[in-house]
């Protein structure tokens, strides 16, 4: 099992916190968001971890991970960022955004999935988002699940 963490974004909405660091390096209770993820992956037995950087990559200093870089982070999207690490995209791979917080039990449920493709969704996302935005749907990514329970579309 491998992990690829997308950590190329600027985090413009988090300014001034991200004036000089990428959003994945913002601290939460003294530990960066990225370090929290790497620690959870390692505690779950996933040591093959790749991080794809972009904005202020010089500020990312996590030990014992493989780094890839998206030179065009400011003009490309997450899919193009992901493909900067295409050489490690074989076998079982977990792809994660570098600016999210999750707990070990969430990762363990994902790892235990027997499906070819799985995605973690917080069913209570709307409650969190409505405190941040007048219309949460303007900012949230969408996910469409068909009548069979399969993912039909992922988008903005």
C-alpha atoms as a PDB file:
ATOM      1  CA  UNK A   1       0.000   0.000   0.000  1.00  0.00           C
ATOM      2  CA  UNK A   2       1.260   3.469  -0.939  1.00  0.00           C
ATOM      3  CA  UNK A   3       0.141   6.995  -0.155  1.00  0.00           C
ATOM      4  CA  UNK A   4       0.364  10.033  -2.411  1.00  0.00           C
ATOM      5  CA  UNK A   5      -0.308  13.376  -0.766  1.00  0.00           C
ATOM      6  CA  UNK A   6      -1.198  16.352  -2.969  1.00  0.00           C
ATOM      7  CA  UNK A   7       0.532  19.322  -1.336  1.00  0.00           C
ATOM      8  CA  UNK A   8       1.052  21.828  -4.154  1.00  0.00           C
ATOM      9  CA  UNK A   9      -1.592  24.427  -3.285  1.00  0.00           C
ATOM     10  CA  UNK A  10      -1.115  27.942  -2.009  1.00  0.00           C
ATOM     11  CA  UNK A  11      -4.077  28.206   0.316  1.00  0.00           C
ATOM     12  CA  UNK A  12      -5.017  31.758  -0.671  1.00  0.00           C
ATOM     13  CA  UNK A  13      -8.073  31.734   1.598  1.00  0.00           C
ATOM     14  CA  UNK A  14      -5.834  31.022   4.587  1.00  0.00           C
ATOM     15  CA  UNK A  15      -3.741  34.143   4.131  1.00  0.00           C
ATOM     16  CA  UNK A  16      -1.901  35.582   6.001  1.00  0.00           C
ATOM     17  CA  UNK A  17      -1.113  32.099   7.418  1.00  0.00           C
ATOM     18  CA  UNK A  18       0.026  30.944   3.981  1.00  0.00           C
ATOM     19  CA  UNK A  19       1.949  34.016   2.858  1.00  0.00           C
ATOM     20  CA  UNK A  20       5.223  32.127   3.320  1.00  0.00           C
ATOM     21  CA  UNK A  21       4.238  28.470   3.667  1.00  0.00           C
ATOM     22  CA  UNK A  22       2.019  26.080   1.705  1.00  0.00           C
ATOM     23  CA  UNK A  23      -1.319  25.325   3.320  1.00  0.00           C
ATOM     24  CA  UNK A  24      -0.258  21.775   4.174  1.00  0.00           C
ATOM     25  CA  UNK A  25       2.364  23.246   6.522  1.00  0.00           C
ATOM     26  CA  UNK A  26      -0.125  25.259   8.581  1.00  0.00           C
ATOM     27  CA  UNK A  27       0.101  24.091  12.184  1.00  0.00           C
ATOM     28  CA  UNK A  28      -2.792  22.644  14.115  1.00  0.00           C
ATOM     29  CA  UNK A  29      -1.931  22.354  17.807  1.00  0.00           C
ATOM     30  CA  UNK A  30       1.782  22.596  17.010  1.00  0.00           C
ATOM     31  CA  UNK A  31       1.943  19.994  14.228  1.00  0.00           C
ATOM     32  CA  UNK A  32       1.611  20.725  10.513  1.00  0.00           C
ATOM     33  CA  UNK A  33      -1.358  19.277   8.632  1.00  0.00           C
ATOM     34  CA  UNK A  34       1.057  17.362   6.416  1.00  0.00           C
ATOM     35  CA  UNK A  35       3.035  15.890   9.309  1.00  0.00           C
ATOM     36  CA  UNK A  36      -0.240  14.764  10.929  1.00  0.00           C
ATOM     37  CA  UNK A  37      -1.157  12.847   7.773  1.00  0.00           C
ATOM     38  CA  UNK A  38       2.262  11.276   7.378  1.00  0.00           C
ATOM     39  CA  UNK A  39       2.181  10.169  11.028  1.00  0.00           C
ATOM     40  CA  UNK A  40      -1.246   8.552  10.585  1.00  0.00           C
ATOM     41  CA  UNK A  41      -0.144   6.749   7.421  1.00  0.00           C
ATOM     42  CA  UNK A  42       2.935   5.409   9.210  1.00  0.00           C
ATOM     43  CA  UNK A  43       0.958   4.338  12.302  1.00  0.00           C
ATOM     44  CA  UNK A  44      -1.299   2.422   9.911  1.00  0.00           C
ATOM     45  CA  UNK A  45       1.645   0.580   8.366  1.00  0.00           C
ATOM     46  CA  UNK A  46       1.917   2.697   5.213  1.00  0.00           C
ATOM     47  CA  UNK A  47       5.537   3.785   4.856  1.00  0.00           C
ATOM     48  CA  UNK A  48       5.736   4.264   1.073  1.00  0.00           C
ATOM     49  CA  UNK A  49       4.628   7.902   1.076  1.00  0.00           C
ATOM     50  CA  UNK A  50       5.031  10.422  -1.734  1.00  0.00           C
ATOM     51  CA  UNK A  51       4.342  14.138  -1.423  1.00  0.00           C
ATOM     52  CA  UNK A  52       3.750  16.312  -4.481  1.00  0.00           C
ATOM     53  CA  UNK A  53       4.797  19.877  -3.807  1.00  0.00           C
ATOM     54  CA  UNK A  54       4.293  23.175  -5.605  1.00  0.00           C
ATOM     55  CA  UNK A  55       3.943  26.515  -3.823  1.00  0.00           C
ATOM     56  CA  UNK A  56       6.819  27.178  -1.385  1.00  0.00           C
ATOM     57  CA  UNK A  57       8.101  23.625  -1.646  1.00  0.00           C
ATOM     58  CA  UNK A  58      11.230  24.783   0.162  1.00  0.00           C
ATOM     59  CA  UNK A  59       9.125  24.977   3.346  1.00  0.00           C
ATOM     60  CA  UNK A  60       8.107  21.318   3.263  1.00  0.00           C
ATOM     61  CA  UNK A  61      10.553  19.253   5.269  1.00  0.00           C
ATOM     62  CA  UNK A  62       8.943  15.945   6.195  1.00  0.00           C
ATOM     63  CA  UNK A  63      11.518  13.195   6.687  1.00  0.00           C
ATOM     64  CA  UNK A  64      11.552   9.828   4.905  1.00  0.00           C
ATOM     65  CA  UNK A  65       9.038  10.597   2.165  1.00  0.00           C
ATOM     66  CA  UNK A  66       9.536  10.705  -1.598  1.00  0.00           C
ATOM     67  CA  UNK A  67       9.045  14.110  -3.178  1.00  0.00           C
ATOM     68  CA  UNK A  68       7.697  15.108  -6.560  1.00  0.00           C
ATOM     69  CA  UNK A  69       7.191  18.689  -7.687  1.00  0.00           C
ATOM     70  CA  UNK A  70       4.628  20.408  -9.905  1.00  0.00           C
ATOM     71  CA  UNK A  71       6.409  23.424 -11.393  1.00  0.00           C
ATOM     72  CA  UNK A  72       3.098  24.567 -12.875  1.00  0.00           C
ATOM     73  CA  UNK A  73       1.066  24.317  -9.642  1.00  0.00           C
ATOM     74  CA  UNK A  74      -0.337  27.823 -10.138  1.00  0.00           C
ATOM     75  CA  UNK A  75      -1.836  27.036 -13.563  1.00  0.00           C
ATOM     76  CA  UNK A  76      -2.762  23.351 -13.279  1.00  0.00           C
ATOM     77  CA  UNK A  77      -5.300  21.325 -11.317  1.00  0.00           C
ATOM     78  CA  UNK A  78      -5.116  18.467  -8.806  1.00  0.00           C
ATOM     79  CA  UNK A  79      -5.198  15.779 -11.489  1.00  0.00           C
ATOM     80  CA  UNK A  80      -2.149  17.230 -13.206  1.00  0.00           C
ATOM     81  CA  UNK A  81      -0.461  17.521  -9.826  1.00  0.00           C
ATOM     82  CA  UNK A  82      -1.249  13.855  -9.139  1.00  0.00           C
ATOM     83  CA  UNK A  83       0.302  12.791 -12.435  1.00  0.00           C
ATOM     84  CA  UNK A  84       3.623  14.309 -11.379  1.00  0.00           C
ATOM     85  CA  UNK A  85       3.919  11.078  -9.356  1.00  0.00           C
ATOM     86  CA  UNK A  86       2.667   8.704 -12.058  1.00  0.00           C
ATOM     87  CA  UNK A  87       5.750   6.513 -11.637  1.00  0.00           C
ATOM     88  CA  UNK A  88       4.494   5.382  -8.205  1.00  0.00           C
ATOM     89  CA  UNK A  89       0.855   4.880  -9.220  1.00  0.00           C
ATOM     90  CA  UNK A  90       0.770   1.108  -9.365  1.00  0.00           C
ATOM     91  CA  UNK A  91      -0.793  -1.374  -7.015  1.00  0.00           C
ATOM     92  CA  UNK A  92      -2.860  -0.087  -4.110  1.00  0.00           C
ATOM     93  CA  UNK A  93      -2.567   3.677  -3.705  1.00  0.00           C
ATOM     94  CA  UNK A  94      -4.284   6.120  -1.378  1.00  0.00           C
ATOM     95  CA  UNK A  95      -4.441   9.695  -2.662  1.00  0.00           C
ATOM     96  CA  UNK A  96      -5.001  12.437  -0.119  1.00  0.00           C
ATOM     97  CA  UNK A  97      -5.164  16.212  -0.157  1.00  0.00           C
ATOM     98  CA  UNK A  98      -2.376  17.642   1.990  1.00  0.00           C
ATOM     99  CA  UNK A  99      -4.612  20.119   3.783  1.00  0.00           C
ATOM    100  CA  UNK A 100      -7.170  17.826   5.369  1.00  0.00           C
ATOM    101  CA  UNK A 101      -7.361  16.391   8.862  1.00  0.00           C
ATOM    102  CA  UNK A 102      -8.526  12.836   9.424  1.00  0.00           C
ATOM    103  CA  UNK A 103      -8.225  10.241  12.134  1.00  0.00           C
ATOM    104  CA  UNK A 104      -6.535   6.857  11.979  1.00  0.00           C
ATOM    105  CA  UNK A 105      -9.844   4.955  12.128  1.00  0.00           C
ATOM    106  CA  UNK A 106     -10.981   6.658   8.900  1.00  0.00           C
ATOM    107  CA  UNK A 107      -7.820   5.543   7.119  1.00  0.00           C
ATOM    108  CA  UNK A 108      -8.188   2.019   8.489  1.00  0.00           C
ATOM    109  CA  UNK A 109     -11.735   1.747   7.085  1.00  0.00           C
ATOM    110  CA  UNK A 110     -10.453   2.880   3.696  1.00  0.00           C
ATOM    111  CA  UNK A 111      -7.590   0.375   3.751  1.00  0.00           C
ATOM    112  CA  UNK A 112     -10.010  -2.445   4.625  1.00  0.00           C
ATOM    113  CA  UNK A 113     -12.182  -1.754   1.565  1.00  0.00           C
ATOM    114  CA  UNK A 114     -12.252  -4.612  -0.936  1.00  0.00           C
ATOM    115  CA  UNK A 115     -13.427  -2.391  -3.794  1.00  0.00           C
ATOM    116  CA  UNK A 116     -11.210  -1.379  -6.705  1.00  0.00           C
ATOM    117  CA  UNK A 117     -11.883   2.295  -6.019  1.00  0.00           C
ATOM    118  CA  UNK A 118     -13.006   3.852  -2.742  1.00  0.00           C
ATOM    119  CA  UNK A 119     -13.427   7.405  -1.523  1.00  0.00           C
ATOM    120  CA  UNK A 120     -13.931   8.814   1.962  1.00  0.00           C
ATOM    121  CA  UNK A 121     -16.833  11.237   2.336  1.00  0.00           C
ATOM    122  CA  UNK A 122     -17.833  13.073   5.497  1.00  0.00           C
ATOM    123  CA  UNK A 123     -21.620  12.871   5.531  1.00  0.00           C
ATOM    124  CA  UNK A 124     -21.765  15.871   7.886  1.00  0.00           C
ATOM    125  CA  UNK A 125     -19.693  18.133   5.639  1.00  0.00           C
ATOM    126  CA  UNK A 126     -22.522  20.625   5.143  1.00  0.00           C
ATOM    127  CA  UNK A 127     -22.647  21.462   8.862  1.00  0.00           C
ATOM    128  CA  UNK A 128     -18.956  22.436   8.787  1.00  0.00           C
ATOM    129  CA  UNK A 129     -19.077  24.291   5.489  1.00  0.00           C
ATOM    130  CA  UNK A 130     -22.108  26.418   6.286  1.00  0.00           C
ATOM    131  CA  UNK A 131     -20.132  28.098   9.087  1.00  0.00           C
ATOM    132  CA  UNK A 132     -17.488  29.104   6.526  1.00  0.00           C
ATOM    133  CA  UNK A 133     -19.504  30.116   3.463  1.00  0.00           C
ATOM    134  CA  UNK A 134     -22.927  31.645   2.860  1.00  0.00           C
ATOM    135  CA  UNK A 135     -23.506  29.049   0.129  1.00  0.00           C
ATOM    136  CA  UNK A 136     -21.383  25.953   0.821  1.00  0.00           C
ATOM    137  CA  UNK A 137     -22.108  24.470  -2.604  1.00  0.00           C
ATOM    138  CA  UNK A 138     -20.100  27.296  -4.193  1.00  0.00           C
ATOM    139  CA  UNK A 139     -16.924  25.921  -2.597  1.00  0.00           C
ATOM    140  CA  UNK A 140     -17.445  22.205  -2.021  1.00  0.00           C
ATOM    141  CA  UNK A 141     -16.418  19.451  -4.369  1.00  0.00           C
ATOM    142  CA  UNK A 142     -19.280  17.328  -5.580  1.00  0.00           C
ATOM    143  CA  UNK A 143     -19.734  13.594  -5.545  1.00  0.00           C
ATOM    144  CA  UNK A 144     -22.508  11.744  -7.354  1.00  0.00           C
ATOM    145  CA  UNK A 145     -23.365   8.217  -6.296  1.00  0.00           C
ATOM    146  CA  UNK A 146     -25.557   6.226  -8.684  1.00  0.00           C
ATOM    147  CA  UNK A 147     -28.514   4.016  -7.763  1.00  0.00           C
ATOM    148  CA  UNK A 148     -26.181   1.014  -7.366  1.00  0.00           C
ATOM    149  CA  UNK A 149     -24.094   2.840  -4.768  1.00  0.00           C
ATOM    150  CA  UNK A 150     -21.146   3.443  -7.079  1.00  0.00           C
ATOM    151  CA  UNK A 151     -19.366   6.739  -7.654  1.00  0.00           C
ATOM    152  CA  UNK A 152     -20.634   8.200 -10.934  1.00  0.00           C
ATOM    153  CA  UNK A 153     -18.929  11.610 -10.861  1.00  0.00           C
ATOM    154  CA  UNK A 154     -16.463  13.679  -8.847  1.00  0.00           C
ATOM    155  CA  UNK A 155     -16.184  17.384  -9.566  1.00  0.00           C
ATOM    156  CA  UNK A 156     -16.250  20.959  -8.332  1.00  0.00           C
END
